[in-house]
Protein backbone atom coordinates (compact mmCIF):
# COMPACT_ATOMS: atom_id res chain seq x y z
CA MET A 1 98.74 112.84 95.27
CA ARG A 2 95.09 112.92 96.28
CA GLN A 3 92.89 109.98 95.39
CA ALA A 4 89.13 109.91 94.94
CA CYS A 5 87.40 107.30 97.02
CA PRO A 6 85.96 104.75 94.60
CA LEU A 7 82.78 104.58 96.67
CA SER A 8 82.07 108.24 96.02
CA GLU A 9 83.14 108.85 92.44
CA PRO A 10 81.27 111.66 90.68
CA ASP A 11 78.06 110.47 89.09
CA ASP A 12 75.58 112.45 87.03
CA GLN A 13 72.73 110.96 89.06
CA ALA A 14 74.38 111.40 92.47
CA GLU A 15 73.35 114.15 94.82
CA GLY A 16 76.38 113.91 97.09
CA LEU A 17 79.86 115.34 96.66
CA PRO A 18 82.89 113.17 95.87
CA CYS A 19 85.11 112.52 98.86
CA VAL A 20 88.79 112.90 97.97
CA LEU A 21 91.43 111.37 100.25
CA SER A 22 94.51 113.31 101.28
CA GLU A 23 97.87 111.63 100.86
CA GLU A 24 98.00 111.06 104.63
CA VAL A 25 94.63 109.26 104.65
CA SER A 26 95.57 107.25 101.53
CA GLU A 27 98.78 106.11 103.23
CA LEU A 28 96.84 105.06 106.33
CA LEU A 29 94.44 102.96 104.27
CA MET A 30 97.29 101.34 102.31
CA ASP A 31 99.22 100.45 105.48
CA PRO A 32 99.13 96.63 105.79
CA GLY A 33 99.08 97.03 109.57
CA VAL A 34 95.84 99.01 109.68
CA SER A 35 93.06 97.00 111.31
CA GLY A 36 89.94 95.98 109.43
CA ASP A 37 87.88 97.97 111.94
CA VAL A 38 89.76 101.19 111.15
CA PHE A 39 89.69 100.55 107.39
CA GLY A 40 85.95 99.85 107.46
CA ALA A 41 85.23 102.89 109.64
CA VAL A 42 87.12 105.20 107.26
CA VAL A 43 85.29 103.79 104.24
CA ALA A 44 81.96 104.19 106.09
CA ALA A 45 82.91 107.79 106.90
CA THR A 46 83.62 108.57 103.23
CA VAL A 47 80.22 107.18 102.25
CA ALA A 48 78.44 109.21 104.95
CA ILE A 49 80.34 112.35 103.97
CA ASN A 50 79.46 111.83 100.30
CA GLU A 51 75.79 111.06 100.85
CA THR A 52 75.21 114.05 103.16
CA ARG A 53 77.39 116.50 101.20
CA GLY A 54 79.50 116.83 104.36
CA GLU A 55 76.61 117.51 106.73
CA VAL A 56 77.09 114.24 108.62
CA PRO A 57 74.87 113.93 111.71
CA GLY A 58 77.13 114.25 114.77
CA SER A 59 79.84 116.17 112.91
CA THR A 60 81.07 119.45 114.30
CA ALA A 61 82.12 122.53 112.36
CA SER A 62 84.97 124.90 113.13
CA GLN A 63 83.73 128.30 114.35
CA LYS A 64 86.44 130.11 112.38
CA TRP A 65 86.07 128.01 109.22
CA PRO A 66 82.65 126.29 109.04
CA GLN A 67 83.67 124.27 105.98
CA GLN A 68 86.13 122.35 108.18
CA ARG A 69 84.44 119.51 110.02
CA ARG A 70 85.16 116.66 112.38
CA MET A 71 83.22 113.47 112.88
CA PRO A 72 83.65 110.45 115.12
CA ILE A 73 84.59 107.14 113.50
CA GLY A 74 83.86 103.67 114.79
CA ALA A 75 81.07 102.60 117.12
CA ASP A 76 80.22 105.66 119.22
CA GLY A 77 83.45 107.31 118.06
CA SER A 78 85.55 104.61 119.69
CA LEU A 79 88.23 104.55 116.97
CA GLY A 80 88.95 108.24 116.53
CA ILE A 81 88.08 111.37 114.58
CA ALA A 82 87.92 112.05 110.84
CA GLU A 83 88.65 115.62 109.73
CA TYR A 84 87.45 116.93 106.39
CA VAL A 85 86.86 120.13 104.44
CA ILE A 86 83.82 120.87 102.29
CA LEU A 87 85.03 122.53 99.08
CA ALA A 88 81.64 123.39 97.58
CA ASP A 89 83.03 126.34 95.60
CA ALA A 90 85.89 124.35 94.02
CA ASP A 91 85.79 123.25 90.40
CA PRO A 92 84.58 120.56 90.61
CA PRO A 93 82.99 120.72 94.07
CA HIS A 94 84.26 117.99 96.40
CA ILE A 95 85.10 117.15 99.98
CA LEU A 96 88.68 116.51 101.10
CA LEU A 97 89.17 113.96 103.88
CA THR A 98 92.28 115.53 105.38
CA ARG A 99 93.17 113.47 108.42
CA ILE A 100 92.23 110.52 110.60
CA GLN A 101 93.15 110.84 114.27
CA LEU A 102 93.11 107.39 115.85
CA TYR A 103 92.74 106.77 119.56
């Protein structure tokens, strides 16, 4: 089951796109062993993704599928990579945070 990040719920006044968490990312965030640094970095990533409609500065797009993006998480990318997909043509439009690759 996918869950919407409460920090990026749809809002009539918002200009961003809601950031929906994959089951894998939800499980990571619910793991009691996940560090506060990782949890905070993932939440910060969802906010940045929402506010920029997926065009996060420093993110890279796949050449074959430009809607698929990667961005560093943590200070200078020290914690890992967040992968997400911009689903602008979906109904409703949203962004799916698909995976977190930790270092």
